[in-house]
Amino acid sequence: MSPSRTIDLNADLGEATDPDGVEVERSLLGLVTTAHVACGGHAGNADTMTATVRAALEHGVRVGAHPSYPDTEGFGRRPMDIDRDELARTLSEQLRALAGVCAEAGTQIASVKAHGALYGEVAKGGAIYLVLRAVMAAECPYRTMLVLPSGCPATAAALRDDVPALEEGFCDRAYRADGSLVARTEPGAVLADPEEAAGQALSLARGALAASDGTLLTLWVDTLCIHGDSPGAVPMATAVRHVLEDSGMEVLAPAPG
């Protein structure tokens, strides 16, 4: 019997600097289907990119890029007032660095997912989205997919611009009534219980989700994210994968755009 639908499960990796964190990331590669690899903006360097890409390929996991504002001190989570040309330069450097690692490993960047504050700015579909779109066109393979929050304005801009996009939902983050994520500084913003995360993942995969205030959101998602630095990330990813497959869905990386 064919699956009811297919869905990608992704994790943001190559961010860990301690042995325990690296072990978590490697364990996640046995569960997810796409790894978005930090490429130097908020975390990551040539060595971590090389090790993460190689480990991903060993597990049959598709490789994507996870660029950021150039902000290692704030882990890319702080908004930055940065000149657009300078932003384009640093994003080009990040994507070019990962592309080189991928080429040496015999693969390509399949998708691009901005990190932290940059992710939020790209989602607005304005000037920062245009910068990333132009950098991707210059540095990435043809039809590389752009990962965006489900239902954000940039999804319409990507459709207009013929940029293949994947709409993303988060298994381990609480949602506001407007579809945005609850700020990490607020209580309950990050889900830590594997069963709660699995339930949210299944709801997102089915297209409806209860926000933190009880409002029912209708969201379409192509890919679900588990953060590698979330508490209990491995048991959470295990529970998510099992609940999706037990419901008749196939967890599978998307075909190229």
Protein backbone atom coordinates (compact mmCIF):
# COMPACT_ATOMS: atom_id res chain seq x y z
CA MET A 1 0.00 0.00 0.00
CA SER A 2 1.40 3.42 -0.93
CA PRO A 3 2.08 5.93 1.86
CA SER A 4 -0.51 8.62 2.59
CA ARG A 5 2.16 11.24 1.91
CA THR A 6 5.92 11.77 2.03
CA ILE A 7 7.63 14.27 4.29
CA ASP A 8 11.21 15.32 4.92
CA LEU A 9 12.73 15.36 8.42
CA ASN A 10 15.63 17.76 8.78
CA ALA A 11 18.12 18.82 11.45
CA ASP A 12 20.50 21.77 11.68
CA LEU A 13 23.92 20.23 12.22
CA GLY A 14 27.62 21.03 12.25
CA GLU A 15 27.00 23.44 15.13
CA ALA A 16 28.31 21.37 18.06
CA THR A 17 31.75 22.07 19.49
CA ASP A 18 31.89 19.55 22.34
CA PRO A 19 32.13 15.72 22.06
CA ASP A 20 28.67 15.15 23.57
CA GLY A 21 27.10 17.56 21.10
CA VAL A 22 28.89 15.95 18.18
CA GLU A 23 27.66 12.54 19.34
CA VAL A 24 24.08 13.85 19.37
CA GLU A 25 24.48 15.18 15.85
CA ARG A 26 25.84 11.89 14.57
CA SER A 27 22.94 10.02 16.18
CA LEU A 28 20.46 12.36 14.51
CA LEU A 29 21.92 11.44 11.13
CA GLY A 30 20.49 7.96 11.62
CA LEU A 31 16.99 9.45 11.91
CA VAL A 32 16.68 12.49 9.65
CA THR A 33 16.65 12.68 5.86
CA THR A 34 18.23 16.12 5.39
CA ALA A 35 21.12 17.76 7.28
CA HIS A 36 21.46 21.53 7.01
CA VAL A 37 25.12 22.15 7.75
CA ALA A 38 26.38 25.30 9.49
CA CYS A 39 28.89 26.92 7.18
CA GLY A 40 30.73 29.54 9.17
CA GLY A 41 28.32 32.38 9.92
CA HIS A 42 27.11 31.42 13.40
CA ALA A 43 29.02 28.14 13.72
CA GLY A 44 31.09 25.71 11.69
CA ASN A 45 34.43 25.69 9.94
CA ALA A 46 36.17 23.64 7.27
CA ASP A 47 36.79 20.72 9.61
CA THR A 48 33.25 20.53 11.03
CA MET A 49 31.71 20.94 7.57
CA THR A 50 33.87 18.15 6.17
CA ALA A 51 33.12 15.78 9.04
CA THR A 52 29.39 16.51 9.01
CA VAL A 53 29.01 16.16 5.24
CA ARG A 54 30.91 12.87 5.23
CA ALA A 55 28.83 11.51 8.10
CA ALA A 56 25.61 12.59 6.39
CA LEU A 57 26.55 10.78 3.19
CA GLU A 58 27.48 7.66 5.15
CA HIS A 59 23.92 7.64 6.50
CA GLY A 60 22.33 8.39 3.12
CA VAL A 61 21.24 11.83 4.30
CA ARG A 62 20.82 14.73 1.86
CA VAL A 63 23.03 17.78 2.50
CA GLY A 64 21.77 21.35 2.71
CA ALA A 65 23.37 24.64 3.75
CA HIS A 66 22.63 26.56 6.95
CA PRO A 67 24.06 30.07 6.45
CA SER A 68 23.68 32.90 8.94
CA TYR A 69 24.48 36.47 9.71
CA PRO A 70 28.22 36.65 10.58
CA ASP A 71 27.64 36.43 14.33
CA THR A 72 29.38 33.62 16.17
CA GLU A 73 29.16 35.46 19.49
CA GLY A 74 25.36 35.65 19.35
CA PHE A 75 25.02 32.31 17.54
CA GLY A 76 23.28 34.10 14.68
CA ARG A 77 20.17 34.77 16.74
CA ARG A 78 20.56 38.55 16.97
CA PRO A 79 19.21 40.88 14.27
CA MET A 80 22.01 42.68 12.45
CA ASP A 81 22.04 46.03 10.69
CA ILE A 82 24.39 45.00 7.93
CA ASP A 83 25.05 46.49 4.51
CA ARG A 84 23.42 44.37 1.79
CA ASP A 85 26.62 44.08 -0.21
CA GLU A 86 28.45 42.92 2.91
CA LEU A 87 25.68 40.43 3.65
CA ALA A 88 25.88 39.11 0.09
CA ARG A 89 29.63 38.75 0.44
CA THR A 90 29.49 36.76 3.68
CA LEU A 91 26.65 34.56 2.45
CA SER A 92 28.58 33.86 -0.75
CA GLU A 93 31.63 32.88 1.29
CA GLN A 94 29.56 30.53 3.45
CA LEU A 95 27.81 28.79 0.56
CA ARG A 96 31.03 28.59 -1.47
CA ALA A 97 32.84 26.99 1.46
CA LEU A 98 30.20 24.31 1.90
CA ALA A 99 29.91 23.77 -1.86
CA GLY A 100 33.63 23.04 -1.97
CA VAL A 101 33.35 20.50 0.84
CA CYS A 102 30.39 18.88 -0.89
CA ALA A 103 32.23 18.68 -4.20
CA GLU A 104 35.16 16.90 -2.54
CA ALA A 105 32.71 14.45 -0.98
CA GLY A 106 30.92 13.83 -4.29
CA THR A 107 27.67 15.64 -3.59
CA GLN A 108 26.01 19.07 -3.95
CA ILE A 109 24.06 21.51 -1.82
CA ALA A 110 20.45 20.42 -2.24
CA SER A 111 18.73 23.10 -0.16
CA VAL A 112 19.46 26.30 1.71
CA LYS A 113 17.93 27.14 5.08
CA ALA A 114 18.94 30.40 6.72
CA HIS A 115 19.67 30.31 10.45
CA GLY A 116 18.26 32.28 13.36
CA ALA A 117 17.65 35.97 12.80
CA LEU A 118 18.49 35.66 9.11
CA TYR A 119 15.78 32.98 8.74
CA GLY A 120 13.22 35.41 10.12
CA GLU A 121 14.31 38.24 7.85
CA VAL A 122 14.36 36.07 4.72
CA ALA A 123 10.84 34.90 5.58
CA LYS A 124 9.51 38.45 5.17
CA GLY A 125 10.11 38.25 1.43
CA GLY A 126 11.81 41.66 1.22
CA ALA A 127 15.34 42.91 0.67
CA ILE A 128 17.10 40.20 2.69
CA TYR A 129 15.22 37.48 0.81
CA LEU A 130 16.37 39.08 -2.44
CA VAL A 131 19.99 39.05 -1.25
CA LEU A 132 19.86 35.36 -0.42
CA ARG A 133 18.03 34.56 -3.66
CA ALA A 134 20.77 36.27 -5.68
CA VAL A 135 23.56 34.55 -3.74
CA MET A 136 21.93 31.15 -4.22
CA ALA A 137 21.63 31.78 -7.96
CA ALA A 138 25.36 32.55 -8.11
CA GLU A 139 26.73 29.90 -5.75
CA CYS A 140 24.35 26.91 -5.70
CA PRO A 141 23.39 24.28 -8.26
CA TYR A 142 20.45 25.06 -10.51
CA ARG A 143 17.05 24.66 -8.78
CA THR A 144 18.49 24.42 -5.27
CA MET A 145 15.55 24.56 -2.86
CA LEU A 146 15.02 27.37 -0.35
CA VAL A 147 13.59 26.35 3.04
CA LEU A 148 11.08 28.84 4.48
CA PRO A 149 8.65 28.94 7.41
CA SER A 150 5.26 27.59 6.38
CA GLY A 151 2.94 30.29 5.08
CA CYS A 152 5.43 33.17 5.32
CA PRO A 153 5.39 36.04 2.76
CA ALA A 154 8.60 34.75 1.15
CA THR A 155 6.78 31.63 -0.07
CA ALA A 156 4.73 33.84 -2.41
CA ALA A 157 7.89 35.70 -3.46
CA ALA A 158 9.63 32.41 -4.23
CA LEU A 159 6.67 31.29 -6.34
CA ARG A 160 6.80 34.61 -8.20
CA ASP A 161 10.53 34.23 -8.77
CA ASP A 162 10.38 30.55 -9.77
CA VAL A 163 12.56 29.60 -6.80
CA PRO A 164 11.71 26.07 -5.60
CA ALA A 165 10.76 26.34 -1.93
CA LEU A 166 10.11 23.93 0.91
CA GLU A 167 7.72 25.02 3.64
CA GLU A 168 8.98 24.08 7.08
CA GLY A 169 7.40 23.26 10.43
CA PHE A 170 9.11 22.81 13.79
CA CYS A 171 8.57 19.74 15.94
CA ASP A 172 10.29 21.22 18.98
CA ARG A 173 9.08 24.85 19.07
CA ALA A 174 5.80 26.37 20.24
CA TYR A 175 3.77 28.49 17.82
CA ARG A 176 1.94 31.78 18.23
CA ALA A 177 -1.55 32.38 16.89
CA ASP A 178 -0.12 34.24 13.86
CA GLY A 179 1.98 31.21 12.85
CA SER A 180 5.28 32.61 14.13
CA LEU A 181 7.41 30.84 16.72
CA VAL A 182 7.24 31.73 20.40
CA ALA A 183 10.46 33.55 21.31
CA ARG A 184 13.07 31.31 22.92
CA THR A 185 13.17 33.65 25.93
CA GLU A 186 9.54 32.86 26.81
CA PRO A 187 8.46 29.88 28.96
CA GLY A 188 7.40 26.84 26.94
CA ALA A 189 8.98 28.08 23.71
CA VAL A 190 11.12 24.94 23.29
CA LEU A 191 9.43 21.55 23.60
CA ALA A 192 11.43 18.98 25.54
CA ASP A 193 9.06 16.01 25.79
CA PRO A 194 9.50 13.52 22.92
CA GLU A 195 5.84 12.53 22.88
CA GLU A 196 4.73 16.16 22.79
CA ALA A 197 7.11 16.84 19.90
CA ALA A 198 5.89 13.72 18.09
CA GLY A 199 2.29 14.82 18.49
CA GLN A 200 3.12 18.27 17.14
CA ALA A 201 5.01 16.74 14.20
CA LEU A 202 2.02 14.58 13.29
CA SER A 203 -0.34 17.56 13.55
CA LEU A 204 1.91 19.64 11.30
CA ALA A 205 2.21 16.81 8.79
CA ARG A 206 -1.59 16.64 8.68
CA GLY A 207 -1.91 20.39 8.17
CA ALA A 208 -3.33 21.70 11.46
CA LEU A 209 -1.76 22.69 14.75
CA ALA A 210 -2.85 24.23 18.05
CA ALA A 211 -0.95 27.43 18.86
CA SER A 212 0.20 28.17 22.41
CA ASP A 213 -3.06 30.03 23.13
CA GLY A 214 -5.21 27.24 21.68
CA THR A 215 -5.84 28.91 18.31
CA LEU A 216 -6.06 26.38 15.47
CA LEU A 217 -3.49 27.03 12.76
CA THR A 218 -3.65 25.55 9.29
CA LEU A 219 -0.16 25.10 7.91
CA TRP A 220 1.24 23.05 5.04
CA VAL A 221 4.71 21.64 5.60
CA ASP A 222 7.08 19.82 3.25
CA THR A 223 9.79 19.37 5.87
CA LEU A 224 9.89 19.11 9.67
CA CYS A 225 12.81 20.33 11.77
CA ILE A 226 14.40 18.88 14.88
CA HIS A 227 17.04 21.20 16.34
CA GLY A 228 20.25 19.36 17.15
CA ASP A 229 20.77 21.52 20.24
CA SER A 230 17.28 20.94 21.66
CA PRO A 231 17.11 19.04 24.97
CA GLY A 232 16.67 15.33 24.24
CA ALA A 233 17.03 15.83 20.49
CA VAL A 234 17.71 12.15 19.73
CA PRO A 235 14.75 10.65 21.65
CA MET A 236 12.63 13.44 20.19
CA ALA A 237 13.68 12.66 16.63
CA THR A 238 13.15 8.95 17.27
CA ALA A 239 9.61 9.56 18.51
CA VAL A 240 8.84 11.88 15.60
CA ARG A 241 10.09 9.45 12.99
CA HIS A 242 8.16 6.56 14.52
CA VAL A 243 4.87 8.45 14.77
CA LEU A 244 5.10 9.64 11.17
CA GLU A 245 5.86 6.17 9.83
CA ASP A 246 3.26 4.51 12.07
CA SER A 247 0.66 6.89 10.64
CA GLY A 248 1.44 5.68 7.12
CA MET A 249 3.72 8.50 6.00
CA GLU A 250 7.06 7.95 4.30
CA VAL A 251 9.94 10.00 5.72
CA LEU A 252 11.92 10.87 2.62
CA ALA A 253 14.09 13.73 1.36
CA PRO A 254 12.35 15.73 -1.37
CA ALA A 255 13.30 15.38 -5.01
CA PRO A 256 15.37 18.24 -6.46
CA GLY A 257 13.35 21.32 -7.30
